[in-house]
């Protein structure tokens, strides 16, 4: 878990080491999913959208610890 507002759903290494990671975070209050990319040269956060361009939303039942 990252803080109280966000929950880490999934994390994957993008290379053979821990220098580049992709993490899916979920806002516990709204259920909205975000993609967080980390690399040695920088990082970025973006909203995850479905094929129609709508935000990906996780149902609240999954977000309980």
N, C-alpha and C. Protein backbone atom coordinates (compact mmCIF):
# COMPACT_ATOMS: atom_id res chain seq x y z
N UNK A 1 0.85 -1.19 0.00
CA UNK A 1 0.00 0.00 0.00
C UNK A 1 0.88 1.24 0.00
N UNK A 2 0.46 2.25 -0.72
CA UNK A 2 1.19 3.50 -0.78
C UNK A 2 0.34 4.57 -0.10
N UNK A 3 0.73 4.95 1.12
CA UNK A 3 -0.08 5.92 1.85
C UNK A 3 -1.47 5.37 2.11
N UNK A 4 -2.41 6.25 2.35
CA UNK A 4 -3.78 5.83 2.61
C UNK A 4 -4.68 6.03 1.40
N UNK A 5 -4.35 6.97 0.55
CA UNK A 5 -5.21 7.30 -0.58
C UNK A 5 -5.07 6.30 -1.73
N UNK A 6 -3.86 5.79 -1.96
CA UNK A 6 -3.61 4.93 -3.11
C UNK A 6 -3.22 3.52 -2.68
N UNK A 7 -3.60 2.56 -3.51
CA UNK A 7 -3.20 1.17 -3.28
C UNK A 7 -2.48 0.67 -4.53
N UNK A 8 -1.40 -0.05 -4.32
CA UNK A 8 -0.65 -0.64 -5.42
C UNK A 8 -1.33 -1.96 -5.81
N UNK A 9 -1.81 -2.02 -7.06
CA UNK A 9 -2.45 -3.24 -7.54
C UNK A 9 -1.46 -4.21 -8.16
N UNK A 10 -0.51 -3.66 -8.92
CA UNK A 10 0.42 -4.51 -9.64
C UNK A 10 1.69 -3.74 -9.94
N UNK A 11 2.81 -4.46 -9.94
CA UNK A 11 4.09 -3.85 -10.30
C UNK A 11 4.88 -4.83 -11.15
N UNK A 12 5.47 -4.33 -12.23
CA UNK A 12 6.27 -5.17 -13.12
C UNK A 12 7.58 -4.47 -13.43
N UNK A 13 8.64 -5.25 -13.52
CA UNK A 13 9.92 -4.72 -13.99
C UNK A 13 9.87 -4.63 -15.51
N UNK A 14 10.33 -3.53 -16.05
CA UNK A 14 10.32 -3.33 -17.49
C UNK A 14 11.63 -3.75 -18.12
N UNK A 15 12.62 -4.00 -17.30
CA UNK A 15 13.92 -4.46 -17.80
C UNK A 15 14.38 -5.59 -16.89
N UNK A 16 15.59 -6.05 -17.09
CA UNK A 16 16.10 -7.16 -16.31
C UNK A 16 16.46 -6.82 -14.87
N UNK A 17 16.32 -5.57 -14.49
CA UNK A 17 16.65 -5.18 -13.12
C UNK A 17 15.54 -4.29 -12.56
N UNK A 18 15.75 -3.74 -11.39
CA UNK A 18 14.73 -2.92 -10.73
C UNK A 18 14.78 -1.45 -11.13
N UNK A 19 15.57 -1.11 -12.14
CA UNK A 19 15.72 0.30 -12.52
C UNK A 19 14.50 0.86 -13.24
N UNK A 20 13.75 0.02 -13.92
CA UNK A 20 12.58 0.48 -14.67
C UNK A 20 11.37 -0.34 -14.25
N UNK A 21 10.35 0.34 -13.72
CA UNK A 21 9.16 -0.35 -13.22
C UNK A 21 7.90 0.32 -13.74
N UNK A 22 6.88 -0.50 -13.92
CA UNK A 22 5.53 -0.02 -14.22
C UNK A 22 4.64 -0.47 -13.07
N UNK A 23 3.92 0.47 -12.49
CA UNK A 23 3.06 0.18 -11.35
C UNK A 23 1.66 0.68 -11.62
N UNK A 24 0.67 -0.14 -11.31
CA UNK A 24 -0.72 0.30 -11.41
C UNK A 24 -1.18 0.67 -10.00
N UNK A 25 -1.61 1.91 -9.86
CA UNK A 25 -2.10 2.43 -8.59
C UNK A 25 -3.60 2.69 -8.70
N UNK A 26 -4.32 2.50 -7.60
CA UNK A 26 -5.75 2.77 -7.57
C UNK A 26 -6.04 3.78 -6.48
N UNK A 27 -6.79 4.80 -6.83
CA UNK A 27 -7.26 5.80 -5.87
C UNK A 27 -8.36 5.16 -5.05
N UNK A 28 -8.17 5.01 -3.75
CA UNK A 28 -9.15 4.35 -2.89
C UNK A 28 -10.47 5.11 -2.80
N UNK A 29 -10.44 6.40 -3.00
CA UNK A 29 -11.67 7.20 -2.89
C UNK A 29 -12.51 7.15 -4.16
N UNK A 30 -11.88 7.09 -5.32
CA UNK A 30 -12.62 7.13 -6.58
C UNK A 30 -12.60 5.81 -7.34
N UNK A 31 -11.62 4.94 -7.05
CA UNK A 31 -11.47 3.70 -7.77
C UNK A 31 -10.74 3.86 -9.10
N UNK A 32 -10.35 5.08 -9.45
CA UNK A 32 -9.67 5.35 -10.72
C UNK A 32 -8.26 4.76 -10.70
N UNK A 33 -7.85 4.15 -11.83
CA UNK A 33 -6.54 3.50 -11.97
C UNK A 33 -5.56 4.43 -12.68
N UNK A 34 -4.31 4.38 -12.23
CA UNK A 34 -3.23 5.17 -12.81
C UNK A 34 -2.04 4.27 -13.11
N UNK A 35 -1.28 4.62 -14.12
CA UNK A 35 -0.04 3.93 -14.45
C UNK A 35 1.12 4.83 -14.08
N UNK A 36 2.02 4.31 -13.25
CA UNK A 36 3.19 5.06 -12.79
C UNK A 36 4.42 4.34 -13.34
N UNK A 37 5.20 5.04 -14.15
CA UNK A 37 6.43 4.50 -14.73
C UNK A 37 7.62 5.13 -14.03
N UNK A 38 8.58 4.30 -13.61
CA UNK A 38 9.80 4.78 -12.97
C UNK A 38 11.00 4.29 -13.76
N UNK A 39 11.95 5.17 -13.99
CA UNK A 39 13.20 4.78 -14.65
C UNK A 39 14.32 5.66 -14.10
N UNK A 40 15.56 5.31 -14.39
CA UNK A 40 16.68 6.11 -13.89
C UNK A 40 16.67 7.56 -14.43
N UNK A 41 16.03 7.77 -15.56
CA UNK A 41 16.04 9.11 -16.16
C UNK A 41 14.80 9.93 -15.85
N UNK A 42 13.83 9.35 -15.14
CA UNK A 42 12.64 10.10 -14.78
C UNK A 42 11.47 9.18 -14.48
N UNK A 43 10.32 9.78 -14.23
CA UNK A 43 9.13 9.01 -13.95
C UNK A 43 7.91 9.77 -14.48
N UNK A 44 6.80 9.06 -14.56
CA UNK A 44 5.58 9.68 -15.04
C UNK A 44 4.35 8.96 -14.52
N UNK A 45 3.28 9.72 -14.39
CA UNK A 45 2.01 9.19 -13.90
C UNK A 45 0.94 9.57 -14.90
N UNK A 46 0.11 8.60 -15.29
CA UNK A 46 -0.96 8.88 -16.24
C UNK A 46 -2.19 8.06 -15.91
N UNK A 47 -3.32 8.57 -16.28
CA UNK A 47 -4.59 7.91 -16.11
C UNK A 47 -4.67 6.71 -17.04
N UNK A 48 -5.14 5.56 -16.53
CA UNK A 48 -5.37 4.41 -17.38
C UNK A 48 -6.77 4.53 -17.99
N UNK A 49 -6.87 4.32 -19.29
CA UNK A 49 -8.17 4.40 -19.96
C UNK A 49 -8.46 3.10 -20.69
N UNK A 50 -9.75 2.83 -20.92
CA UNK A 50 -10.15 1.63 -21.66
C UNK A 50 -10.11 1.92 -23.16
N UNK A 51 -10.56 0.98 -23.96
CA UNK A 51 -10.48 1.13 -25.41
C UNK A 51 -11.33 2.28 -25.95
N UNK A 52 -12.30 2.74 -25.15
CA UNK A 52 -13.16 3.85 -25.56
C UNK A 52 -12.69 5.19 -25.00
N UNK A 53 -11.56 5.18 -24.29
CA UNK A 53 -11.02 6.41 -23.73
C UNK A 53 -11.60 6.80 -22.38
N UNK A 54 -12.38 5.91 -21.77
CA UNK A 54 -12.94 6.18 -20.44
C UNK A 54 -11.97 5.69 -19.36
N UNK A 55 -11.93 6.37 -18.22
CA UNK A 55 -11.04 5.94 -17.13
C UNK A 55 -11.35 4.51 -16.67
N UNK A 56 -10.31 3.75 -16.39
CA UNK A 56 -10.47 2.42 -15.81
C UNK A 56 -10.76 2.61 -14.33
N UNK A 57 -11.86 2.02 -13.85
CA UNK A 57 -12.27 2.17 -12.47
C UNK A 57 -12.38 0.79 -11.83
N UNK A 58 -11.73 0.61 -10.67
CA UNK A 58 -11.78 -0.64 -9.91
C UNK A 58 -12.93 -0.56 -8.92
N UNK A 59 -13.70 -1.64 -8.82
CA UNK A 59 -14.81 -1.67 -7.88
C UNK A 59 -14.30 -1.61 -6.45
N UNK A 60 -15.03 -0.96 -5.59
CA UNK A 60 -14.59 -0.68 -4.22
C UNK A 60 -14.33 -1.93 -3.39
N UNK A 61 -15.01 -3.04 -3.65
CA UNK A 61 -14.82 -4.27 -2.88
C UNK A 61 -13.41 -4.81 -2.95
N UNK A 62 -12.72 -4.57 -4.05
CA UNK A 62 -11.35 -5.05 -4.25
C UNK A 62 -10.36 -4.21 -3.45
N UNK A 63 -10.73 -2.99 -3.12
CA UNK A 63 -9.79 -2.05 -2.51
C UNK A 63 -9.63 -2.22 -1.00
N UNK A 64 -10.41 -3.06 -0.37
CA UNK A 64 -10.29 -3.26 1.07
C UNK A 64 -9.05 -4.10 1.37
N UNK A 65 -8.38 -3.76 2.47
CA UNK A 65 -7.18 -4.53 2.87
C UNK A 65 -7.56 -5.77 3.62
